[in-house]
Amino acid sequence: MGNLLRLLSRDDNPKYDVFVDFENAQPTDLERESYEIVDEVLQYSKDILQELQTYKGAVNEIREAITNPRNDLYQTRAWEAVLPLVSKLKRFYEFSQQIDEVVPRILWELCSGPLPPAQHLRTQQALVKQFAEILDFVLKFDDLKMTNPAIQNDFSYYRRTVSRLRLANQEPVDEELEVPNELANKMSLFYAHATPMLKVLSDATMRFVAENKDLPIENTTETLGTMAKVCQRMIEHRDFCRRFTNEETILFVLRVMVGLIILYDHVHPVGAFAKSAHIDVKGSIKVLKDQPPNVVEGLLNALRYTTRHLNDDSTPKHIKSLLA
């Protein structure tokens, strides 16, 4: 019945001139419970990004240890340098699991029920803002991770050292390890991805779709597409941009728009670039290219290299050429 009402209430010519107050949106009484649960997670996102941004790695210590394999002093120095870094990597991974837990909850609030997507955006702005903050975090985290090879180098050294201890029958028990073996296996899979947070986000979204079979996948993809179109229109309309008090908010909206396109492309069976997609990729790319190149080149690269379907035969040639 809910899906029927949704179809009946859907506008054949939906309006995307919706202003989402990404700076000041506050939860309504109906949003508050979910908002507070998600907020408990998001309050740590800035600290995670700050730790990742200042992550230097133990390149020198590891190099010395590898060059001098029989020198116990160099081995000890490398081990002691790597341990606090592995502790950070563990925190990053654990935070990804918290994101994985809250995403289905926020998607349920935004995608279920009889309201069309645009109406959800109008009436649940605090939750929309939180979902946007998750997308913003995901893109920032993955961009920092991709440009820091020390992350995988440090964790690989940690695992190799633990393996050597095991072979020498000197391996400490799991309780004494910074990262127990089972958790280390999961972390290895996480960091093996070029964009690990995007993988977590897209997997959580697909799991949400799979576990809620009464909720058509179109509810989710149309919500993502509508959010992307609203972000696009907010940037296109100067009257909307003037309502922001912080210039950084415009870049935030652009990053969220790109994150939504990428997530849509990972979740939708034919992706974001097909003609049938509920998303305006061409318009979004135009909006990006209207900005200073030094500001948006990273976002254009995200569309080029982290989407799934850009190089499919179904992608129009003019879209490919826009991103070439």
Foldseek 3Di string as FASTA:
>chain_A
DQQVLLVVPDDPDDDLQAFQCLPDDDFDPVCPVLLVLLCVLLVCLVVLLVCLLPDDADVPLVVVCVVCVPDVVSVVVLVVRLLVVVLSLLVVVVSLVSVLVSLLVLLCQQQGGNHALVVSCRRGSSSVSSVLSLLLSLLSNLVSLLVDPSSLVSLVVVVVVLVVCVVVVNRDPQVPGSHRPVRSVVSNVQSVDSRSSLVSNLVSLQVSCVVPVVRHVCSRQLNLQSLLSSLLVCLVDVVNVVPDPDPVVNLSSLSSSLSSQQSSLSNPPQGNQAPPGSHDLVSSLVSLVVDPCVSCVSSLVCVVPRGDNCPPPRGDPVSVVSSD
